[in-house]
């Protein structure tokens, strides 16, 4: 009987995965690695966390260090000169990065580790940038070969401190000083590759390093990290025996970097290891609290994230003084590209949740941050799901009222979200999404306006209109004839007008009718 390959859960070291005795599964990314090496010098790649960036960087290191035996059977094996070896300097930000002194200490640790590995002792021990510069030159001098520089999670010292903005600014300046050394030592450098989650502007971090090529949204490198559908149906075929692949795709696929859509590797490995249980795997490994802070501080309608239209500039980069929730969510992996459209000289992108896991988990996370007793959330979602299936519109009213009565008062301090219609729409949308409804459309366009929220369930359609401190929610649905575009497609259409009062922060009027 053929022995199944093992799952490399938590292993980011290429050597360990390629150990023949261990028999780990490995998806070959060396074709992309060779393409990068042969066609450029300075690269940057942005991908969400746990997407395989660290493993790819480790693969590059073993290529440049000439470890031929690890690549037998892979694309690059007979296409690379394994005798042509290079000194490699590698940074991988980790540990305590919550203050400028701790960031500096960790950076000096990296420099010391590289000195030990390369057999070099630098004289400079006080200034980070000077020490880094000396390490580059001394490595070049000792090995008589240009140096390879690999930096993993280049932005982590900043991202770890977005909740304390002054420390984030100090981290930015420290990184700018450190990374600028590469331009000054260009004549000694063979290859540079940086990875991260975010895409801070070049002027912000990479001062002067204007030849850094961002490959994050280049289609030819769209699958450089992650698993493709073909990988799932070939390399993972035996490990997924009995699994409904359509459902697997709906739950975990969907990340689009302008090429074939990919799965987050962490999801697939944990799904297989957990006996094929459909659960939240990637999302629960860490959602930054600053996302919730941004969401609460600004007037965002969460429901619109189902199909969010943004310009190219929102996907490119940002700086810490001007954080955009849409940009942060896209770069962090909570939103992905659904579609693209070019109008004239401008490129536009439609963003949305990549899959069921992220959509359901993110909405649950938002709701948990709002409520006094998050443990009640599951029961309300369960009751909502049942009421919708039973077409029990009166129970839905009671559920909605209970829902808003449970929101913690401190969510309304230092802002005026109780006056914002999108807040109420966001909460209701989040409950539908968290309860498992996967066909929800916000601001659904008709020939006479936009429907606030449409929820599709089997052969039923629920149309909701929300108003704050205003009357006529149900009347607006009827006046604008919102259901017309759907009336031949569904056996039951229910229209629901919900009116809120900003003082009580709850429903003051709830009306519904069955559309005939």
Protein backbone atom coordinates (compact mmCIF):
# COMPACT_ATOMS: atom_id res chain seq x y z
CA UNK A 1 0.00 0.00 0.00
CA UNK A 2 1.34 3.42 -0.98
CA UNK A 3 2.24 5.61 1.97
CA UNK A 4 0.53 9.02 1.95
CA UNK A 5 2.72 12.08 2.14
CA UNK A 6 2.88 14.01 5.41
CA UNK A 7 1.53 17.51 5.94
CA UNK A 8 4.18 20.23 6.55
CA UNK A 9 2.07 22.07 9.12
CA UNK A 10 3.99 24.97 10.63
CA UNK A 11 7.19 24.08 8.76
CA UNK A 12 8.74 27.02 6.91
CA UNK A 13 12.16 25.49 6.34
CA UNK A 14 12.66 24.16 2.81
CA UNK A 15 15.35 21.71 3.93
CA UNK A 16 13.02 20.05 6.44
CA UNK A 17 10.17 19.73 3.94
CA UNK A 18 12.48 18.23 1.31
CA UNK A 19 13.95 15.66 3.71
CA UNK A 20 13.32 12.36 1.87
CA UNK A 21 12.94 10.41 5.09
CA UNK A 22 10.14 12.71 6.27
CA UNK A 23 8.13 12.47 3.02
CA UNK A 24 6.37 15.82 3.30
CA UNK A 25 4.16 17.10 0.51
CA UNK A 26 5.66 20.07 -1.38
CA UNK A 27 4.17 22.18 -4.17
CA UNK A 28 6.97 23.13 -6.56
CA UNK A 29 7.50 26.91 -6.75
CA UNK A 30 11.02 26.77 -8.19
CA UNK A 31 9.91 27.74 -11.70
CA UNK A 32 8.82 31.13 -10.34
CA UNK A 33 12.01 31.36 -8.28
CA UNK A 34 14.21 30.79 -11.33
CA UNK A 35 12.23 33.30 -13.37
CA UNK A 36 12.81 35.96 -10.71
CA UNK A 37 16.53 35.26 -10.42
CA UNK A 38 17.09 35.36 -14.17
CA UNK A 39 15.01 38.46 -14.91
CA UNK A 40 15.68 40.99 -12.18
CA UNK A 41 17.51 42.07 -9.06
CA UNK A 42 15.25 43.89 -6.57
CA UNK A 43 11.79 42.45 -5.78
CA UNK A 44 8.93 42.98 -3.37
CA UNK A 45 6.01 40.61 -2.76
CA UNK A 46 2.92 41.37 -0.68
CA UNK A 47 0.75 38.49 0.49
CA UNK A 48 -1.52 37.86 3.51
CA UNK A 49 -0.12 36.11 6.57
CA UNK A 50 0.46 32.34 6.49
CA UNK A 51 0.47 32.26 2.71
CA UNK A 52 3.87 30.60 2.24
CA UNK A 53 6.05 33.70 1.94
CA UNK A 54 8.61 32.48 4.49
CA UNK A 55 8.93 29.09 2.82
CA UNK A 56 9.49 30.74 -0.57
CA UNK A 57 12.21 32.94 0.90
CA UNK A 58 13.87 29.90 2.45
CA UNK A 59 13.71 28.18 -0.94
CA UNK A 60 15.55 31.13 -2.51
CA UNK A 61 18.22 30.93 0.16
CA UNK A 62 18.89 27.24 -0.53
CA UNK A 63 19.07 27.91 -4.27
CA UNK A 64 21.69 30.63 -3.86
CA UNK A 65 23.65 28.55 -1.35
CA UNK A 66 23.83 25.74 -3.90
CA UNK A 67 22.06 22.97 -1.98
CA UNK A 68 21.43 20.90 -5.07
CA UNK A 69 20.41 17.72 -3.25
CA UNK A 70 17.26 19.42 -1.91
CA UNK A 71 15.94 20.18 -5.41
CA UNK A 72 16.06 16.77 -7.04
CA UNK A 73 12.87 16.24 -9.04
CA UNK A 74 11.93 19.92 -9.01
CA UNK A 75 11.71 22.28 -11.98
CA UNK A 76 14.95 24.11 -11.25
CA UNK A 77 17.11 21.03 -10.68
CA UNK A 78 18.73 20.80 -14.14
CA UNK A 79 18.42 24.49 -14.99
CA UNK A 80 20.63 26.11 -12.34
CA UNK A 81 24.41 26.12 -11.90
CA UNK A 82 24.70 24.67 -8.40
CA UNK A 83 28.42 25.40 -8.23
CA UNK A 84 27.70 29.13 -8.46
CA UNK A 85 27.10 29.89 -4.78
CA UNK A 86 26.44 33.23 -3.09
CA UNK A 87 26.60 34.59 0.49
CA UNK A 88 23.06 35.16 1.80
CA UNK A 89 22.00 37.75 4.38
CA UNK A 90 18.56 36.98 5.75
CA UNK A 91 16.24 38.96 8.04
CA UNK A 92 13.02 37.54 9.46
CA UNK A 93 11.24 39.90 11.81
CA UNK A 94 9.78 38.17 14.86
CA UNK A 95 9.67 38.43 18.63
CA UNK A 96 8.94 41.54 20.71
CA UNK A 97 8.60 44.53 18.38
CA UNK A 98 6.46 46.75 20.59
CA UNK A 99 8.99 49.52 21.20
CA UNK A 100 11.83 51.17 19.33
CA UNK A 101 14.51 49.68 21.67
CA UNK A 102 13.11 46.16 21.24
CA UNK A 103 13.02 46.58 17.44
CA UNK A 104 16.65 47.77 17.42
CA UNK A 105 17.67 44.86 19.67
CA UNK A 106 15.97 42.35 17.37
CA UNK A 107 17.67 43.90 14.33
CA UNK A 108 21.08 43.63 15.96
CA UNK A 109 20.29 39.98 16.74
CA UNK A 110 19.63 39.38 13.03
CA UNK A 111 22.91 40.99 12.11
CA UNK A 112 24.79 38.86 14.65
CA UNK A 113 23.12 35.68 13.43
CA UNK A 114 24.17 36.46 9.85
CA UNK A 115 27.72 37.27 10.94
CA UNK A 116 28.02 33.90 12.71
CA UNK A 117 26.60 32.00 9.75
CA UNK A 118 28.85 33.77 7.24
CA UNK A 119 31.94 33.66 9.45
CA UNK A 120 32.29 37.45 9.60
CA UNK A 121 32.83 39.79 12.56
CA UNK A 122 31.83 43.39 11.98
CA UNK A 123 33.53 46.21 13.84
CA UNK A 124 30.44 48.45 13.90
CA UNK A 125 28.24 47.50 16.86
CA UNK A 126 26.30 50.65 17.67
CA UNK A 127 24.52 51.85 14.53
CA UNK A 128 22.19 49.48 12.71
CA UNK A 129 22.56 50.89 9.21
CA UNK A 130 26.36 51.07 9.48
CA UNK A 131 26.53 47.49 10.77
CA UNK A 132 24.29 46.27 7.93
CA UNK A 133 26.41 48.13 5.37
CA UNK A 134 29.58 46.61 6.81
CA UNK A 135 28.05 43.13 6.74
CA UNK A 136 27.21 43.48 3.03
CA UNK A 137 30.68 44.66 2.09
CA UNK A 138 32.57 42.16 4.27
CA UNK A 139 30.47 39.28 2.90
CA UNK A 140 31.26 40.37 -0.65
CA UNK A 141 34.93 40.74 0.22
CA UNK A 142 35.26 37.35 1.96
CA UNK A 143 33.46 35.23 -0.65
CA UNK A 144 34.38 37.34 -3.69
CA UNK A 145 30.74 37.05 -4.76
CA UNK A 146 27.90 39.50 -4.77
CA UNK A 147 25.52 39.23 -1.83
CA UNK A 148 21.91 38.01 -1.74
CA UNK A 149 19.59 39.80 0.71
CA UNK A 150 16.30 38.23 1.80
CA UNK A 151 13.96 40.11 4.17
CA UNK A 152 10.84 38.36 5.47
CA UNK A 153 7.92 40.41 6.87
CA UNK A 154 9.74 43.67 6.24
CA UNK A 155 6.75 45.63 7.64
CA UNK A 156 6.08 43.70 10.86
CA UNK A 157 7.69 46.30 13.19
CA UNK A 158 5.15 48.81 11.82
CA UNK A 159 2.09 46.55 11.64
CA UNK A 160 2.63 45.34 15.21
CA UNK A 161 2.31 48.95 16.40
CA UNK A 162 -0.57 50.44 14.43
CA UNK A 163 -2.44 50.72 17.73
CA UNK A 164 0.34 52.97 19.10
CA UNK A 165 1.01 55.31 16.23
CA UNK A 166 4.10 57.06 17.63
CA UNK A 167 5.95 53.75 17.97
CA UNK A 168 4.82 52.85 14.44
CA UNK A 169 6.35 56.09 13.17
CA UNK A 170 9.61 55.38 15.00
CA UNK A 171 9.64 51.89 13.49
CA UNK A 172 9.09 53.38 10.04
CA UNK A 173 12.08 55.70 10.39
CA UNK A 174 14.27 52.89 11.71
CA UNK A 175 13.36 50.64 8.78
CA UNK A 176 13.87 53.44 6.28
CA UNK A 177 17.40 53.98 7.60
CA UNK A 178 18.14 50.24 7.58
CA UNK A 179 16.75 49.40 4.13
CA UNK A 180 18.29 52.44 2.42
CA UNK A 181 21.68 50.77 2.92
CA UNK A 182 20.92 48.43 0.03
CA UNK A 183 20.96 51.23 -2.53
CA UNK A 184 24.29 52.50 -1.21
CA UNK A 185 25.80 49.02 -1.60
CA UNK A 186 24.22 48.13 -4.94
CA UNK A 187 27.59 47.22 -6.53
CA UNK A 188 28.01 44.41 -3.97
CA UNK A 189 24.50 42.99 -4.31
CA UNK A 190 23.35 40.14 -6.57
CA UNK A 191 19.66 39.81 -5.60
CA UNK A 192 17.16 41.28 -3.12
CA UNK A 193 13.75 39.88 -2.22
CA UNK A 194 11.42 41.37 0.40
CA UNK A 195 8.08 40.03 1.56
CA UNK A 196 5.38 41.57 3.69
CA UNK A 197 1.66 41.90 4.24
CA UNK A 198 1.32 45.61 3.53
CA UNK A 199 2.58 47.83 0.75
CA UNK A 200 3.81 51.02 2.34
CA UNK A 201 4.83 53.65 -0.15
CA UNK A 202 8.37 53.60 -1.45
CA UNK A 203 8.87 57.16 -0.25
CA UNK A 204 7.77 56.07 3.21
CA UNK A 205 10.03 53.04 3.68
CA UNK A 206 12.34 52.49 0.73
CA UNK A 207 13.78 55.95 0.40
CA UNK A 208 15.75 56.04 -2.82
CA UNK A 209 15.22 52.37 -3.60
CA UNK A 210 13.13 53.24 -6.64
CA UNK A 211 14.20 50.18 -8.61
CA UNK A 212 12.34 47.81 -6.27
CA UNK A 213 9.99 45.81 -8.50
CA UNK A 214 6.61 45.09 -6.93
CA UNK A 215 5.39 41.72 -8.23
CA UNK A 216 2.38 41.46 -5.92
CA UNK A 217 -0.20 41.90 -8.70
CA UNK A 218 1.77 40.74 -11.72
CA UNK A 219 -0.24 37.89 -13.28
CA UNK A 220 2.90 35.82 -14.06
CA UNK A 221 3.56 35.61 -10.29
CA UNK A 222 -0.07 35.35 -9.21
CA UNK A 223 0.36 31.80 -7.87
CA UNK A 224 3.87 32.22 -6.46
CA UNK A 225 2.34 31.54 -3.03
CA UNK A 226 -0.74 29.46 -2.26
CA UNK A 227 -2.24 26.31 -3.76
CA UNK A 228 -4.06 26.29 -7.10
CA UNK A 229 -7.10 24.20 -7.95
CA UNK A 230 -4.83 21.98 -10.02
CA UNK A 231 -2.61 21.41 -6.96
CA UNK A 232 -5.69 20.37 -4.99
CA UNK A 233 -6.84 17.93 -7.67
CA UNK A 234 -3.40 16.37 -8.24
CA UNK A 235 -0.88 16.66 -5.39
CA UNK A 236 -3.57 16.57 -2.69
CA UNK A 237 -5.92 14.13 -4.43
CA UNK A 238 -5.28 11.16 -2.15
CA UNK A 239 -5.33 13.30 0.99
CA UNK A 240 -8.75 14.71 0.05
CA UNK A 241 -10.47 11.47 -0.82
CA UNK A 242 -14.19 11.70 -0.13
CA UNK A 243 -14.20 15.50 0.11
CA UNK A 244 -16.69 17.48 -1.96
CA UNK A 245 -14.23 19.66 -3.89
CA UNK A 246 -16.90 22.22 -4.84
CA UNK A 247 -17.60 22.88 -1.17
CA UNK A 248 -13.86 22.99 -0.39
CA UNK A 249 -13.45 25.62 -3.08
CA UNK A 250 -16.31 27.72 -1.72
CA UNK A 251 -14.88 27.59 1.79
CA UNK A 252 -11.17 28.18 1.20
CA UNK A 253 -10.40 29.19 -2.40
CA UNK A 254 -10.92 32.63 -3.94
CA UNK A 255 -7.75 34.68 -3.35
CA UNK A 256 -7.09 36.50 -6.59
CA UNK A 257 -3.76 38.12 -7.47
CA UNK A 258 -4.74 38.58 -11.14
CA UNK A 259 -3.98 34.98 -12.09
CA UNK A 260 -5.58 31.65 -11.15
CA UNK A 261 -7.38 31.91 -7.83
CA UNK A 262 -5.55 30.20 -4.97
CA UNK A 263 -6.11 28.61 -1.57
CA UNK A 264 -4.31 29.71 1.56
CA UNK A 265 -2.00 26.72 2.28
CA UNK A 266 -2.65 26.96 6.02
CA UNK A 267 -6.37 26.29 5.48
CA UNK A 268 -5.83 23.21 3.33
CA UNK A 269 -3.22 21.64 5.60
CA UNK A 270 -5.35 22.17 8.73
CA UNK A 271 -8.51 21.00 6.95
CA UNK A 272 -6.86 17.70 6.02
CA UNK A 273 -5.25 17.32 9.44
CA UNK A 274 -8.63 17.94 11.14
CA UNK A 275 -10.35 15.02 9.36
CA UNK A 276 -11.90 17.23 6.67
CA UNK A 277 -13.93 19.46 9.00
CA UNK A 278 -15.06 22.75 7.48
CA UNK A 279 -13.97 25.30 10.07
CA UNK A 280 -12.26 28.62 10.54
CA UNK A 281 -8.50 27.81 10.36
CA UNK A 282 -6.62 30.77 8.87
CA UNK A 283 -8.80 33.57 10.22
CA UNK A 284 -8.51 32.61 13.89
CA UNK A 285 -4.70 32.75 13.83
CA UNK A 286 -4.84 36.50 14.38
CA UNK A 287 -6.99 39.41 13.27
CA UNK A 288 -5.42 42.80 13.97
CA UNK A 289 -7.42 44.85 16.46
CA UNK A 290 -6.71 48.04 14.53
CA UNK A 291 -9.09 46.82 11.80
CA UNK A 292 -11.97 46.98 14.26
CA UNK A 293 -10.79 50.39 15.43
CA UNK A 294 -10.78 51.69 11.85
CA UNK A 295 -14.21 50.22 11.20
CA UNK A 296 -15.72 51.89 14.27
CA UNK A 297 -14.01 55.25 13.77
CA UNK A 298 -15.20 55.74 10.22
CA UNK A 299 -18.57 55.44 8.51
CA UNK A 300 -18.29 52.10 6.75
CA UNK A 301 -21.17 49.94 5.63
CA UNK A 302 -19.89 46.41 6.03
CA UNK A 303 -22.53 45.13 3.63
CA UNK A 304 -20.90 47.00 0.74
CA UNK A 305 -17.76 44.89 1.16
CA UNK A 306 -19.57 42.19 -0.80
CA UNK A 307 -18.82 44.15 -3.97
CA UNK A 308 -16.63 47.16 -3.27
CA UNK A 309 -15.42 49.33 -6.15
CA UNK A 310 -11.98 50.91 -5.64
CA UNK A 311 -9.40 52.63 -7.77
CA UNK A 312 -5.88 51.41 -8.38
CA UNK A 313 -4.39 53.78 -5.83
CA UNK A 314 -6.26 52.07 -2.98
CA UNK A 315 -4.50 48.78 -3.70
CA UNK A 316 -1.03 50.18 -4.24
CA UNK A 317 0.22 51.54 -0.93
CA UNK A 318 -0.60 53.50 2.18
CA UNK A 319 1.10 55.26 5.03
CA UNK A 320 0.41 55.08 8.73
CA UNK A 321 -0.97 58.62 8.96
CA UNK A 322 -3.65 57.82 6.38
CA UNK A 323 -4.88 54.27 6.85
CA UNK A 324 -7.69 53.15 4.58
CA UNK A 325 -9.81 50.26 5.83
CA UNK A 326 -10.36 48.98 2.28
CA UNK A 327 -6.61 48.94 1.58
CA UNK A 328 -5.71 47.28 4.88
CA UNK A 329 -8.40 44.62 4.42
CA UNK A 330 -7.26 43.87 0.88
CA UNK A 331 -3.58 43.60 1.74
CA UNK A 332 -4.35 41.56 4.86
CA UNK A 333 -6.39 39.03 2.87
CA UNK A 334 -9.87 39.83 4.19
CA UNK A 335 -10.87 41.19 0.79
CA UNK A 336 -9.71 40.04 -2.61
CA UNK A 337 -10.17 41.06 -6.24
CA UNK A 338 -13.48 39.84 -7.65
CA UNK A 339 -13.21 41.54 -11.03
CA UNK A 340 -11.41 44.34 -12.87
CA UNK A 341 -12.59 47.04 -15.26
CA UNK A 342 -10.68 49.63 -17.26
CA UNK A 343 -12.30 52.96 -18.06
CA UNK A 344 -10.16 55.19 -20.23
CA UNK A 345 -6.71 55.29 -18.68
CA UNK A 346 -7.89 54.19 -15.23
CA UNK A 347 -8.04 50.68 -13.79
CA UNK A 348 -10.78 49.83 -11.29
CA UNK A 349 -11.19 46.80 -9.06
CA UNK A 350 -14.23 45.13 -7.52
CA UNK A 351 -13.33 43.69 -4.14
CA UNK A 352 -15.16 41.15 -2.00
CA UNK A 353 -14.63 38.46 0.59
CA UNK A 354 -12.55 35.65 -0.93
CA UNK A 355 -14.53 32.72 0.47
CA UNK A 356 -17.00 31.47 3.08
CA UNK A 357 -14.38 31.14 5.83
CA UNK A 358 -13.29 34.78 5.67
CA UNK A 359 -16.76 36.19 5.08
CA UNK A 360 -18.35 34.29 7.95
CA UNK A 361 -15.42 34.70 10.35
CA UNK A 362 -14.86 38.41 9.71
CA UNK A 363 -18.52 39.20 10.30
CA UNK A 364 -18.54 37.13 13.47
CA UNK A 365 -15.44 38.98 14.61
CA UNK A 366 -17.05 42.38 14.00
CA UNK A 367 -20.18 41.35 15.88
CA UNK A 368 -18.25 39.98 18.85
CA UNK A 369 -16.48 43.32 19.19
CA UNK A 370 -19.82 45.14 19.48
CA UNK A 371 -21.75 43.07 21.98
CA UNK A 372 -21.86 43.03 25.78
CA UNK A 373 -22.30 39.27 25.84
CA UNK A 374 -20.86 37.72 22.64
CA UNK A 375 -21.90 34.25 23.81
CA UNK A 376 -25.52 35.13 22.93
CA UNK A 377 -24.52 35.83 19.34
CA UNK A 378 -24.66 32.19 18.23
CA UNK A 379 -28.21 31.70 19.52
CA UNK A 380 -29.45 34.84 17.79
CA UNK A 381 -27.87 33.73 14.54
CA UNK A 382 -29.44 30.28 14.93
CA UNK A 383 -32.87 31.83 15.58
CA UNK A 384 -32.48 34.15 12.59
CA UNK A 385 -31.62 31.28 10.28
CA UNK A 386 -34.68 29.30 11.43
CA UNK A 387 -37.04 32.28 11.18
CA UNK A 388 -35.93 33.08 7.65
CA UNK A 389 -36.51 29.49 6.53
CA UNK A 390 -39.96 29.48 8.16
CA UNK A 391 -40.85 32.84 6.57
CA UNK A 392 -41.60 34.06 10.09
CA UNK A 393 -41.26 37.82 9.54
CA UNK A 394 -42.61 38.77 12.98
CA UNK A 395 -39.94 36.69 14.73
CA UNK A 396 -37.31 38.41 12.60
CA UNK A 397 -38.45 41.72 14.09
CA UNK A 398 -37.98 40.40 17.64
CA UNK A 399 -34.55 39.03 16.74
CA UNK A 400 -33.45 42.37 15.28
CA UNK A 401 -34.60 44.25 18.39
CA UNK A 402 -32.79 41.83 20.68
CA UNK A 403 -29.75 42.20 18.50
CA UNK A 404 -29.45 45.98 18.84
CA UNK A 405 -30.35 45.93 22.53
CA UNK A 406 -27.27 43.77 23.13
CA UNK A 407 -24.77 46.22 21.65
CA UNK A 408 -22.35 47.56 24.25
CA UNK A 409 -22.81 51.26 25.06
CA UNK A 410 -19.09 52.05 24.74
CA UNK A 411 -19.35 51.43 20.99
CA UNK A 412 -21.17 54.77 20.75
CA UNK A 413 -18.64 56.92 22.59
CA UNK A 414 -16.36 59.32 20.70
CA UNK A 415 -18.28 58.84 17.46
CA UNK A 416 -21.75 59.31 16.00
CA UNK A 417 -22.30 55.95 14.35
CA UNK A 418 -25.81 55.74 15.87
CA UNK A 419 -26.81 58.39 13.30
CA UNK A 420 -25.32 56.47 10.39
CA UNK A 421 -27.64 54.19 8.41
CA UNK A 422 -24.68 52.07 7.35
CA UNK A 423 -24.00 51.07 10.96
CA UNK A 424 -27.40 49.40 11.32
CA UNK A 425 -27.11 47.83 7.87
CA UNK A 426 -23.63 46.56 8.83
CA UNK A 427 -24.87 44.86 11.99
CA UNK A 428 -27.80 43.16 10.25
CA UNK A 429 -25.63 42.14 7.31
CA UNK A 430 -23.02 40.71 9.68
CA UNK A 431 -25.66 38.58 11.38
CA UNK A 432 -26.88 37.18 8.10
CA UNK A 433 -23.32 36.44 6.94
CA UNK A 434 -22.34 34.94 10.29
CA UNK A 435 -25.46 32.78 10.32
CA UNK A 436 -24.37 31.13 7.08
CA UNK A 437 -26.33 33.05 4.43
CA UNK A 438 -23.98 33.19 1.45
CA UNK A 439 -26.19 35.06 -1.04
CA UNK A 440 -26.39 38.60 0.29
CA UNK A 441 -26.27 41.71 -1.89
CA UNK A 442 -25.82 45.23 -0.53
CA UNK A 443 -26.93 48.30 -2.48
CA UNK A 444 -28.42 46.09 -5.18
CA UNK A 445 -28.91 48.32 -8.24
CA UNK A 446 -32.36 48.62 -9.84
CA UNK A 447 -33.54 50.97 -12.59
CA UNK A 448 -34.88 53.36 -9.93
CA UNK A 449 -32.39 53.23 -7.09
CA UNK A 450 -30.50 50.85 -4.83
CA UNK A 451 -31.86 48.20 -2.48
CA UNK A 452 -30.18 48.48 0.93
CA UNK A 453 -29.96 44.72 1.44
CA UNK A 454 -31.17 41.67 -0.50
CA UNK A 455 -31.01 38.22 1.07
CA UNK A 456 -31.55 35.18 -1.15
CA UNK A 457 -32.60 31.88 0.41
CA UNK A 458 -33.52 28.94 -1.80
CA UNK A 459 -36.50 30.20 -3.86
CA UNK A 460 -37.17 33.09 -1.48
CA UNK A 461 -36.00 36.71 -1.56
CA UNK A 462 -36.02 39.18 1.31
CA UNK A 463 -35.62 42.87 0.44
CA UNK A 464 -34.70 45.25 3.29
CA UNK A 465 -34.73 49.04 3.39
CA UNK A 466 -33.25 50.85 6.42
CA UNK A 467 -33.78 54.42 7.64
CA UNK A 468 -32.45 56.31 10.66
CA UNK A 469 -34.57 59.13 12.15
CA UNK A 470 -36.68 59.04 9.00
CA UNK A 471 -39.97 57.48 7.96
CA UNK A 472 -41.15 55.63 4.90
CA UNK A 473 -38.78 52.64 4.59
CA UNK A 474 -41.41 50.20 3.34
CA UNK A 475 -43.09 52.87 1.24
CA UNK A 476 -39.81 53.51 -0.57
CA UNK A 477 -39.52 49.85 -1.58
CA UNK A 478 -43.01 49.96 -3.07
CA UNK A 479 -42.69 53.37 -4.68
CA UNK A 480 -39.46 52.44 -6.43
CA UNK A 481 -40.76 48.96 -7.27
CA UNK A 482 -37.51 47.32 -6.08
CA UNK A 483 -38.75 43.69 -6.41
CA UNK A 484 -39.60 44.06 -10.10
CA UNK A 485 -36.24 42.78 -11.34
CA UNK A 486 -36.72 39.55 -9.39
CA UNK A 487 -40.45 38.85 -9.47
CA UNK A 488 -40.24 36.15 -12.17
CA UNK A 489 -37.29 34.38 -10.52
CA UNK A 490 -38.56 33.70 -6.97
CA UNK A 491 -41.70 32.07 -5.68
CA UNK A 492 -41.78 34.21 -2.53
CA UNK A 493 -40.59 37.80 -2.22
CA UNK A 494 -40.86 39.63 1.12
CA UNK A 495 -40.29 43.37 1.46
CA UNK A 496 -39.26 44.73 4.86
CA UNK A 497 -38.98 48.34 6.01
CA UNK A 498 -36.95 48.91 9.17
CA UNK A 499 -36.77 52.35 10.83
CA UNK A 500 -34.29 53.17 13.62
CA UNK A 501 -34.11 55.88 16.24
CA UNK A 502 -30.60 57.17 16.96
CA UNK A 503 -31.41 57.99 20.61
CA UNK A 504 -32.66 54.54 21.57
CA UNK A 505 -30.34 52.95 18.99
CA UNK A 506 -33.01 50.44 18.13
CA UNK A 507 -35.99 49.75 15.90
CA UNK A 508 -39.01 52.04 16.27
CA UNK A 509 -40.95 50.77 13.27
CA UNK A 510 -40.88 47.45 11.43
CA UNK A 511 -43.23 46.72 8.54
CA UNK A 512 -43.33 43.89 6.05
CA UNK A 513 -45.44 42.59 3.20
CA UNK A 514 -45.36 39.69 0.83
CA UNK A 515 -44.88 41.02 -2.69
CA UNK A 516 -47.51 39.85 -5.15
